[in-house]
Amino acid sequence: MPSMKTPTTAASASPPARLLFTDLDGSLLDHHSYDWSPAIPWLSRLKAQSVPVIPVTSKTRSEILPLRVALGLESAPFIAENGAVVGLPSDWCHARLDRQLGRDGLAIQTLGVDIGFIRQRLNVWRGRLADTPGMAFTTMSEMTLEALCTFTGLPELEARLARLREGSEPLVWEGSDAGLDALRQGLDGDGLQLVRGGRFWHVTGHSHKGSAVQWLIERFASLRGVAPQTLALGDGPNDVAMLEAVDQAVVIRGFHGFEVAPQQAALYRTEATGPSGWAEGVAHWWGRAECRVMPAALSQSAAEVTR
């Protein structure tokens, strides 16, 4: 029987097209300091290999734009507000579908629900459920700038950018589980959902990180004529759909204590947290010469040995 790991050379086979999708807060960025220095060697290596590193985050478009520059990710697309907004650089644009490029050179695709509708329905349900025990929450837009800075650890300028929402509303839940369930049911009837993040609950439409990731994978395949190998890394419950939408996934050890359990055979759990865990996870899957996706027949045994 021929070996499943037949050596290949640059002359006989080109490297596979690859895409890396990553959460930011608590993953590529440190949960407390927002530092990413432990990830810099891998970011440089991936850039040299022309592998797009695609932020997939609850942050707003306004927050991501300066971060893309600081991280050196200007040539990659991004997914903002848990899948509600996608930003496309020119070489990810379809000539017929993406005609409106902004001054920043990006085409913006809105996959979610308008923020005005979300805020209106939150106000409606706050009134309708006022007598429900344990109904208490504060939205990000209701927080003072000082309170938001204290809660998130963000400096004032970045906190202002965080409030420029387009398709999701973060909130701090202050009530009971029963109150949360009542709000969830009410929002569901409006086509909205509650998604748990690291610090906030996020009210969004039924788009999510996973659906936006799949949208981008399909866009890449359509434009390039090849299906890419995909890796995703995240630390929170709102990352689960993203981790399930790719070939290989990494759950980065977090500080929040919430369960993150994607249905994903090719899964690795890190020992380190934040950007150190991010680098550990990328090295686990792509730090070897042989980076092909495992055959389906081997996925069960692989799941038993990954942590």
Protein backbone atom coordinates (compact mmCIF):
# COMPACT_ATOMS: atom_id res chain seq x y z
CA MET A 1 0.00 0.00 0.00
CA PRO A 2 1.43 3.41 -0.92
CA SER A 3 2.21 5.78 1.94
CA MET A 4 -0.40 8.43 2.77
CA LYS A 5 2.45 10.92 3.27
CA THR A 6 4.21 10.70 -0.08
CA PRO A 7 6.83 13.47 -0.13
CA THR A 8 6.19 16.31 -2.51
CA THR A 9 8.53 18.95 -3.88
CA ALA A 10 8.05 22.50 -5.00
CA ALA A 11 8.39 21.32 -8.57
CA SER A 12 5.71 18.63 -8.30
CA ALA A 13 3.11 20.37 -6.16
CA SER A 14 2.30 23.93 -5.19
CA PRO A 15 1.32 24.76 -1.60
CA PRO A 16 -2.43 24.72 -0.93
CA ALA A 17 -4.40 27.95 -0.81
CA ARG A 18 -5.01 28.74 2.86
CA LEU A 19 -7.16 31.15 4.84
CA LEU A 20 -6.82 31.85 8.57
CA PHE A 21 -9.82 33.27 10.46
CA THR A 22 -9.24 34.69 13.92
CA ASP A 23 -11.16 36.20 16.79
CA LEU A 24 -9.45 39.27 18.26
CA ASP A 25 -10.21 39.99 21.94
CA GLY A 26 -8.84 37.18 24.09
CA SER A 27 -7.36 35.44 21.05
CA LEU A 28 -5.00 37.39 18.78
CA LEU A 29 -5.24 40.28 21.27
CA ASP A 30 -4.58 39.82 24.98
CA HIS A 31 -7.81 39.91 27.01
CA HIS A 32 -6.49 42.57 29.40
CA SER A 33 -3.76 44.57 27.62
CA TYR A 34 -4.80 44.04 23.96
CA ASP A 35 -1.15 43.25 23.20
CA TRP A 36 -0.37 40.88 20.31
CA SER A 37 3.44 40.72 20.40
CA PRO A 38 3.63 36.91 21.04
CA ALA A 39 1.83 36.40 17.70
CA ILE A 40 4.12 38.64 15.63
CA PRO A 41 6.48 35.87 14.39
CA TRP A 42 3.56 33.86 13.03
CA LEU A 43 1.88 36.94 11.57
CA SER A 44 5.11 37.72 9.71
CA ARG A 45 5.49 34.15 8.52
CA LEU A 46 1.92 33.97 7.23
CA LYS A 47 2.30 37.31 5.45
CA ALA A 48 5.47 36.04 3.75
CA GLN A 49 3.50 32.98 2.63
CA SER A 50 0.63 35.17 1.31
CA VAL A 51 -1.84 33.55 3.71
CA PRO A 52 -4.67 35.99 4.54
CA VAL A 53 -5.22 36.46 8.28
CA ILE A 54 -8.86 37.50 8.53
CA PRO A 55 -10.20 39.14 11.72
CA VAL A 56 -13.61 37.79 12.77
CA THR A 57 -14.74 39.81 15.74
CA SER A 58 -17.48 41.50 17.70
CA LYS A 59 -15.61 44.78 17.19
CA THR A 60 -17.04 47.44 14.90
CA ARG A 61 -15.77 48.37 11.45
CA SER A 62 -14.46 51.63 12.95
CA GLU A 63 -12.42 49.70 15.51
CA ILE A 64 -11.02 47.22 12.99
CA LEU A 65 -9.75 49.73 10.42
CA PRO A 66 -6.85 51.09 12.53
CA LEU A 67 -6.16 47.62 13.93
CA ARG A 68 -5.73 46.22 10.41
CA VAL A 69 -2.96 48.75 9.85
CA ALA A 70 -1.27 48.10 13.21
CA LEU A 71 -1.43 44.32 12.67
CA GLY A 72 -0.31 44.50 9.04
CA LEU A 73 -3.54 42.98 7.74
CA GLU A 74 -4.60 45.68 5.27
CA SER A 75 -4.71 43.26 2.32
CA ALA A 76 -7.10 40.83 4.06
CA PRO A 77 -10.87 41.14 4.43
CA PHE A 78 -12.50 41.32 7.85
CA ILE A 79 -15.73 40.28 9.56
CA ALA A 80 -17.14 42.74 12.11
CA GLU A 81 -19.90 42.66 14.73
CA ASN A 82 -20.11 38.86 14.95
CA GLY A 83 -20.82 38.39 11.24
CA ALA A 84 -23.10 41.36 10.57
CA VAL A 85 -20.57 43.31 8.48
CA VAL A 86 -17.90 42.14 6.00
CA GLY A 87 -15.17 44.42 4.62
CA LEU A 88 -13.63 43.44 1.27
CA PRO A 89 -10.35 44.80 -0.16
CA SER A 90 -10.36 45.35 -3.92
CA ASP A 91 -8.84 41.98 -4.83
CA TRP A 92 -11.64 40.21 -2.92
CA CYS A 93 -14.30 42.13 -4.83
CA HIS A 94 -16.51 40.80 -7.61
CA ALA A 95 -16.66 43.25 -10.53
CA ARG A 96 -20.44 42.91 -10.82
CA LEU A 97 -21.42 42.55 -7.15
CA ASP A 98 -19.10 44.98 -5.35
CA ARG A 99 -19.11 48.24 -7.27
CA GLN A 100 -19.17 50.66 -4.33
CA LEU A 101 -15.67 51.08 -2.90
CA GLY A 102 -15.29 53.56 -0.05
CA ARG A 103 -12.51 56.08 0.46
CA ASP A 104 -10.65 53.39 2.39
CA GLY A 105 -10.69 51.13 -0.70
CA LEU A 106 -13.10 48.64 0.86
CA ALA A 107 -16.44 47.31 -0.30
CA ILE A 108 -18.80 46.71 2.64
CA GLN A 109 -21.30 43.87 2.63
CA THR A 110 -24.01 44.00 5.31
CA LEU A 111 -25.12 40.47 6.20
CA GLY A 112 -27.00 41.38 9.37
CA VAL A 113 -29.85 43.58 10.63
CA ASP A 114 -29.77 47.37 10.87
CA ILE A 115 -28.76 48.70 14.28
CA GLY A 116 -31.79 51.01 14.45
CA PHE A 117 -34.16 48.04 14.31
CA ILE A 118 -32.18 46.17 16.98
CA ARG A 119 -32.26 49.10 19.40
CA GLN A 120 -35.95 49.70 18.77
CA ARG A 121 -36.86 46.09 19.55
CA LEU A 122 -34.69 46.07 22.69
CA ASN A 123 -36.62 49.08 23.96
CA VAL A 124 -39.93 47.39 23.11
CA TRP A 125 -39.04 44.20 24.96
CA ARG A 126 -37.65 46.09 27.95
CA GLY A 127 -41.09 47.67 28.31
CA ARG A 128 -43.12 44.52 27.65
CA LEU A 129 -41.05 42.45 30.06
CA ALA A 130 -40.75 45.10 32.76
CA ASP A 131 -42.70 42.96 35.23
CA THR A 132 -40.64 39.84 34.54
CA PRO A 133 -38.46 38.99 37.56
CA GLY A 134 -34.78 39.46 36.84
CA MET A 135 -35.20 41.66 33.74
CA ALA A 136 -32.21 44.00 33.91
CA PHE A 137 -29.60 44.94 31.33
CA THR A 138 -27.58 47.92 30.12
CA THR A 139 -26.71 48.28 26.43
CA MET A 140 -23.36 49.63 25.30
CA SER A 141 -25.08 52.67 23.80
CA GLU A 142 -26.58 53.45 27.24
CA MET A 143 -23.27 53.25 29.09
CA THR A 144 -21.37 56.45 29.74
CA LEU A 145 -18.03 56.68 28.00
CA GLU A 146 -16.29 56.52 31.38
CA ALA A 147 -18.20 53.37 32.36
CA LEU A 148 -17.41 51.73 29.01
CA CYS A 149 -13.70 52.48 29.39
CA THR A 150 -13.71 51.03 32.90
CA PHE A 151 -15.63 47.91 31.89
CA THR A 152 -13.57 47.10 28.79
CA GLY A 153 -10.18 48.58 29.65
CA LEU A 154 -10.24 50.51 26.36
CA PRO A 155 -8.82 54.03 26.09
CA GLU A 156 -11.37 56.74 25.36
CA LEU A 157 -10.77 56.97 21.60
CA GLU A 158 -11.15 53.21 21.11
CA ALA A 159 -14.23 53.14 23.33
CA ARG A 160 -15.81 55.78 21.11
CA LEU A 161 -15.13 53.61 18.05
CA ALA A 162 -16.67 50.62 19.84
CA ARG A 163 -19.96 52.50 20.10
CA LEU A 164 -20.23 53.03 16.31
CA ARG A 165 -22.41 49.97 15.78
CA GLU A 166 -23.93 48.99 12.42
CA GLY A 167 -25.48 45.57 12.93
CA SER A 168 -25.29 44.49 16.58
CA GLU A 169 -25.87 45.87 20.07
CA PRO A 170 -23.73 44.64 22.99
CA LEU A 171 -25.31 44.59 26.43
CA VAL A 172 -24.30 43.77 29.98
CA TRP A 173 -26.79 41.35 31.50
CA GLU A 174 -27.60 42.23 35.12
CA GLY A 175 -30.67 40.05 35.71
CA SER A 176 -31.60 36.41 36.23
CA ASP A 177 -31.44 33.40 33.93
CA ALA A 178 -35.23 33.45 33.71
CA GLY A 179 -35.19 37.07 32.61
CA LEU A 180 -32.53 36.31 30.02
CA ASP A 181 -34.62 33.44 28.60
CA ALA A 182 -37.66 35.73 28.37
CA LEU A 183 -35.69 38.36 26.49
CA ARG A 184 -34.19 35.72 24.20
CA GLN A 185 -37.64 34.39 23.30
CA GLY A 186 -38.99 37.86 22.61
CA LEU A 187 -36.06 38.78 20.37
CA ASP A 188 -36.30 35.47 18.53
CA GLY A 189 -39.78 36.42 17.37
CA ASP A 190 -38.25 39.54 15.80
CA GLY A 191 -35.61 37.55 13.94
CA LEU A 192 -32.93 38.52 16.44
CA GLN A 193 -30.67 36.47 18.70
CA LEU A 194 -28.52 36.80 21.80
CA VAL A 195 -24.90 35.65 21.41
CA ARG A 196 -22.51 35.32 24.36
CA GLY A 197 -19.15 37.04 23.99
CA GLY A 198 -16.25 37.38 26.39
CA ARG A 199 -17.52 40.55 28.10
CA PHE A 200 -20.94 41.27 26.57
CA TRP A 201 -24.04 39.60 25.28
CA HIS A 202 -24.56 40.68 21.66
CA VAL A 203 -27.97 41.20 20.05
CA THR A 204 -27.75 40.50 16.32
CA GLY A 205 -29.71 39.14 13.41
CA HIS A 206 -29.34 35.48 12.53
CA SER A 207 -26.08 36.08 10.72
CA HIS A 208 -23.14 34.96 12.84
CA LYS A 209 -19.40 34.43 12.63
CA GLY A 210 -19.85 31.00 11.04
CA SER A 211 -22.18 32.15 8.26
CA ALA A 212 -19.93 35.11 7.45
CA VAL A 213 -16.85 32.86 7.37
CA GLN A 214 -18.63 30.49 5.00
CA TRP A 215 -19.61 33.47 2.83
CA LEU A 216 -15.97 34.54 2.57
CA ILE A 217 -14.75 31.00 1.84
CA GLU A 218 -17.26 30.77 -1.01
CA ARG A 219 -16.21 34.21 -2.29
CA PHE A 220 -12.54 33.14 -2.29
CA ALA A 221 -13.34 29.89 -4.13
CA SER A 222 -15.44 31.75 -6.69
CA LEU A 223 -12.73 34.33 -7.42
CA ARG A 224 -9.71 31.99 -7.30
CA GLY A 225 -11.26 28.81 -8.67
CA VAL A 226 -9.92 26.71 -5.78
CA ALA A 227 -11.29 25.65 -2.39
CA PRO A 228 -8.91 26.85 0.34
CA GLN A 229 -7.70 24.99 3.39
CA THR A 230 -9.09 26.87 6.39
CA LEU A 231 -8.09 27.36 10.03
CA ALA A 232 -9.94 29.33 12.70
CA LEU A 233 -8.98 30.38 16.23
CA GLY A 234 -11.21 31.74 19.00
CA ASP A 235 -11.76 31.71 22.74
CA GLY A 236 -15.47 32.45 23.33
CA PRO A 237 -18.94 30.97 22.88
CA ASN A 238 -19.60 33.38 20.00
CA ASP A 239 -16.70 31.73 18.14
CA VAL A 240 -18.28 28.25 18.05
CA ALA A 241 -20.04 28.67 14.69
CA MET A 242 -16.80 29.96 13.15
CA LEU A 243 -14.82 27.04 14.55
CA GLU A 244 -17.35 24.64 13.05
CA ALA A 245 -17.22 26.26 9.60
CA VAL A 246 -13.56 25.49 8.88
CA ASP A 247 -11.28 22.50 8.27
CA GLN A 248 -9.15 22.90 11.40
CA ALA A 249 -9.91 24.81 14.59
CA VAL A 250 -8.29 26.05 17.79
CA VAL A 251 -10.01 26.90 21.07
CA ILE A 252 -7.71 29.28 22.92
CA ARG A 253 -7.84 28.95 26.69
CA GLY A 254 -9.81 31.93 27.99
CA PHE A 255 -10.31 33.84 31.22
CA HIS A 256 -14.11 33.89 31.14
CA GLY A 257 -14.85 30.31 32.25
CA PHE A 258 -17.60 29.77 29.63
CA GLU A 259 -17.90 26.48 27.80
CA VAL A 260 -16.61 26.54 24.22
CA ALA A 261 -17.42 23.17 22.65
CA PRO A 262 -17.62 23.22 18.84
CA GLN A 263 -18.65 20.09 16.96
CA GLN A 264 -15.30 19.84 15.20
CA ALA A 265 -13.19 16.70 14.74
CA ALA A 266 -10.00 18.60 13.87
CA LEU A 267 -9.85 20.58 17.12
CA TYR A 268 -6.94 21.66 19.29
CA ARG A 269 -7.22 23.30 22.74
CA THR A 270 -4.29 25.44 23.84
CA GLU A 271 -2.49 25.54 27.14
CA ALA A 272 -1.57 29.22 26.76
CA THR A 273 -4.00 32.14 26.67
CA GLY A 274 -4.37 35.12 24.35
CA PRO A 275 -1.78 35.71 21.62
CA SER A 276 0.59 33.12 23.11
CA GLY A 277 -2.20 30.56 22.78
CA TRP A 278 -2.90 31.88 19.28
CA ALA A 279 0.69 31.21 18.24
CA GLU A 280 0.54 27.79 19.92
CA GLY A 281 -2.59 26.88 17.98
CA VAL A 282 -1.28 28.02 14.60
CA ALA A 283 1.95 26.12 15.21
CA HIS A 284 -0.01 22.97 16.09
CA TRP A 285 -1.79 22.84 12.74
CA TRP A 286 0.51 24.73 10.38
CA GLY A 287 3.90 24.51 12.06
CA ARG A 288 4.79 21.30 10.27
CA ALA A 289 5.84 20.71 6.66
CA GLU A 290 2.78 18.50 6.11
CA CYS A 291 -0.29 20.70 6.63
CA ARG A 292 -2.94 18.85 4.66
CA VAL A 293 -6.38 18.27 6.14
CA MET A 294 -6.65 14.77 7.58
CA PRO A 295 -8.70 12.23 5.63
CA ALA A 296 -12.17 11.69 7.09
CA ALA A 297 -11.25 8.13 8.06
CA LEU A 298 -8.58 9.48 10.39
CA SER A 299 -10.59 12.34 11.92
CA GLN A 300 -11.96 10.22 14.78
CA SER A 301 -8.55 9.05 15.91
CA ALA A 302 -7.19 12.56 15.53
CA ALA A 303 -9.95 13.91 17.76
CA GLU A 304 -8.90 11.45 20.46
CA VAL A 305 -5.33 12.73 20.58
CA THR A 306 -5.95 16.46 20.22
CA ARG A 307 -6.61 18.33 23.41
